[in-house]
């Protein structure tokens, strides 16, 4: 294991690994929390098993995260954690559930319905440099190349 090898800044790397691991679990639990955004929807697990794609994404996120921490090593700048440290990271991340309940209980939805954002169309200049426009252009070009390659017509 890593304990026998001398690693410079081992404590610092372990600290950052724990922070990284905890942050990802906070995100995972927040994804679950964000399924129910209604005013009095406190049961975030209601209908949880109705969306298998969501469950697969959550499970895959957790699996990939744990593999990155345990076996990522120098490329991921992580150190393997003990099971107690994994449990601590998961426990801290699970506080997202409590935070979600507190926010729903203390902040009325009416506060957010009063916020109005003007949705204006982009000017031609803004449209020209927008990321989505660039993406659409490159997608169209790749589609044209694909059709050209298949048909042989240029």
Protein backbone atom coordinates (compact mmCIF):
# COMPACT_ATOMS: atom_id res chain seq x y z
CA UNK A 1 0.00 0.00 0.00
CA UNK A 2 1.03 3.64 -0.13
CA UNK A 3 1.99 3.78 3.56
CA UNK A 4 5.37 2.10 2.85
CA UNK A 5 6.31 4.52 0.06
CA UNK A 6 7.69 7.95 0.86
CA UNK A 7 5.49 10.51 -0.90
CA UNK A 8 6.37 14.19 -0.65
CA UNK A 9 3.43 16.26 0.59
CA UNK A 10 1.43 13.11 1.40
CA UNK A 11 -0.70 14.89 4.02
CA UNK A 12 -1.52 17.70 1.61
CA UNK A 13 -2.44 15.28 -1.20
CA UNK A 14 -4.58 13.23 1.19
CA UNK A 15 -6.30 16.40 2.38
CA UNK A 16 -7.09 17.48 -1.19
CA UNK A 17 -8.25 13.95 -2.04
CA UNK A 18 -10.73 14.06 0.85
CA UNK A 19 -11.94 17.51 -0.22
CA UNK A 20 -12.37 16.36 -3.83
CA UNK A 21 -14.17 13.17 -2.77
CA UNK A 22 -16.46 15.06 -0.41
CA UNK A 23 -17.29 17.68 -3.04
CA UNK A 24 -18.29 15.02 -5.57
CA UNK A 25 -20.53 13.30 -3.03
CA UNK A 26 -22.13 16.64 -2.20
CA UNK A 27 -22.90 17.01 -5.91
CA UNK A 28 -24.31 13.48 -6.13
CA UNK A 29 -26.61 14.01 -3.16
CA UNK A 30 -27.61 17.42 -4.48
CA UNK A 31 -28.65 15.78 -7.77
CA UNK A 32 -30.97 13.53 -5.79
CA UNK A 33 -32.15 16.51 -3.75
CA UNK A 34 -32.93 18.51 -6.89
CA UNK A 35 -35.44 15.97 -8.15
CA UNK A 36 -38.17 17.57 -6.03
CA UNK A 37 -38.35 21.34 -6.13
CA UNK A 38 -41.94 21.92 -5.09
CA UNK A 39 -42.89 24.01 -2.09
CA UNK A 40 -43.79 21.14 0.24
CA UNK A 41 -42.07 18.26 -1.55
CA UNK A 42 -39.89 16.99 1.26
CA UNK A 43 -39.78 13.31 0.24
CA UNK A 44 -37.04 13.38 -2.37
CA UNK A 45 -37.18 9.60 -2.76
CA UNK A 46 -40.82 9.59 -3.90
CA UNK A 47 -40.76 7.94 -7.34
CA UNK A 48 -36.99 7.52 -7.16
CA UNK A 49 -37.00 4.15 -8.90
CA UNK A 50 -39.17 5.35 -11.80
CA UNK A 51 -36.18 6.74 -13.71
CA UNK A 52 -33.63 4.01 -14.29
CA UNK A 53 -31.36 6.25 -16.36
CA UNK A 54 -31.03 8.64 -13.41
CA UNK A 55 -30.15 5.75 -11.10
CA UNK A 56 -27.56 4.40 -13.55
CA UNK A 57 -25.96 7.85 -13.83
CA UNK A 58 -25.82 8.24 -10.04
CA UNK A 59 -24.34 4.75 -9.55
CA UNK A 60 -21.81 5.24 -12.35
CA UNK A 61 -20.77 8.61 -10.91
CA UNK A 62 -20.14 7.01 -7.52
CA UNK A 63 -18.26 4.03 -9.00
CA UNK A 64 -16.05 6.19 -11.23
CA UNK A 65 -15.39 8.59 -8.36
CA UNK A 66 -14.31 5.82 -6.00
CA UNK A 67 -12.12 4.25 -8.70
CA UNK A 68 -10.49 7.62 -9.41
CA UNK A 69 -9.72 8.14 -5.74
CA UNK A 70 -8.49 4.62 -5.07
CA UNK A 71 -6.56 3.98 -8.27
CA UNK A 72 -6.11 7.41 -9.87
CA UNK A 73 -2.74 7.94 -8.26
CA UNK A 74 -0.46 10.59 -9.66
CA UNK A 75 -2.43 11.29 -12.87
CA UNK A 76 -5.48 12.20 -10.76
CA UNK A 77 -3.33 13.56 -7.93
CA UNK A 78 -5.15 11.42 -5.39
CA UNK A 79 -4.17 8.97 -2.69
CA UNK A 80 -6.19 5.89 -1.80
CA UNK A 81 -8.45 6.48 1.19
CA UNK A 82 -9.35 4.13 4.03
CA UNK A 83 -12.94 2.98 4.26
CA UNK A 84 -13.47 5.27 7.27
CA UNK A 85 -12.41 8.26 5.18
CA UNK A 86 -14.78 7.21 2.37
CA UNK A 87 -17.60 6.96 4.92
CA UNK A 88 -16.73 10.40 6.29
CA UNK A 89 -16.84 11.92 2.78
CA UNK A 90 -20.19 10.27 2.07
CA UNK A 91 -21.55 11.43 5.44
CA UNK A 92 -20.52 15.04 4.87
CA UNK A 93 -21.97 14.89 1.35
CA UNK A 94 -25.25 13.55 2.74
CA UNK A 95 -25.71 16.82 4.65
CA UNK A 96 -27.02 18.11 1.30
CA UNK A 97 -30.27 16.31 2.18
CA UNK A 98 -30.59 18.24 5.44
CA UNK A 99 -29.67 21.49 3.74
CA UNK A 100 -32.37 20.86 1.12
CA UNK A 101 -35.00 20.39 3.83
CA UNK A 102 -33.89 23.56 5.61
CA UNK A 103 -34.01 25.62 2.41
CA UNK A 104 -37.49 24.31 1.52
CA UNK A 105 -38.75 24.96 5.05
CA UNK A 106 -37.30 28.47 5.47
CA UNK A 107 -37.38 30.01 2.00
CA UNK A 108 -40.85 30.41 0.52
CA UNK A 109 -41.22 29.71 -3.20
CA UNK A 110 -42.85 33.13 -3.58
CA UNK A 111 -39.41 34.72 -3.16
CA UNK A 112 -38.29 33.09 -6.40
CA UNK A 113 -41.47 33.73 -8.38
CA UNK A 114 -40.87 37.47 -7.94
CA UNK A 115 -37.58 37.27 -9.81
CA UNK A 116 -38.12 38.15 -13.43
CA UNK A 117 -35.35 37.97 -15.93
CA UNK A 118 -35.64 39.68 -19.26
CA UNK A 119 -35.08 37.25 -22.07
CA UNK A 120 -33.90 39.27 -24.98
CA UNK A 121 -32.90 37.91 -28.34
CA UNK A 122 -29.18 38.02 -29.02
CA UNK A 123 -27.84 40.59 -31.40
CA UNK A 124 -26.16 39.35 -34.58
CA UNK A 125 -22.76 40.10 -33.04
CA UNK A 126 -23.57 38.10 -29.89
CA UNK A 127 -25.01 35.26 -31.98
CA UNK A 128 -21.84 35.17 -34.07
CA UNK A 129 -19.63 34.50 -31.03
CA UNK A 130 -22.00 32.40 -28.94
CA UNK A 131 -20.70 29.00 -27.90
CA UNK A 132 -23.84 27.20 -29.03
CA UNK A 133 -23.63 28.80 -32.46
CA UNK A 134 -20.05 27.61 -32.82
CA UNK A 135 -21.10 24.14 -31.74
CA UNK A 136 -23.99 24.06 -34.22
CA UNK A 137 -21.70 25.19 -37.05
CA UNK A 138 -19.12 22.50 -36.30
CA UNK A 139 -21.89 19.90 -36.00
CA UNK A 140 -23.35 20.91 -39.36
CA UNK A 141 -19.92 20.78 -40.97
CA UNK A 142 -19.29 17.29 -39.58
CA UNK A 143 -22.71 16.19 -40.85
CA UNK A 144 -21.92 17.56 -44.33
CA UNK A 145 -18.58 15.72 -44.33
CA UNK A 146 -20.32 12.52 -43.24
CA UNK A 147 -22.89 12.79 -46.01
CA UNK A 148 -20.17 13.65 -48.54
CA UNK A 149 -18.10 10.64 -47.51
CA UNK A 150 -21.08 8.28 -47.74
CA UNK A 151 -22.37 9.51 -51.08
CA UNK A 152 -19.08 10.50 -52.68
CA UNK A 153 -20.70 13.74 -53.91
CA UNK A 154 -18.84 16.91 -53.16
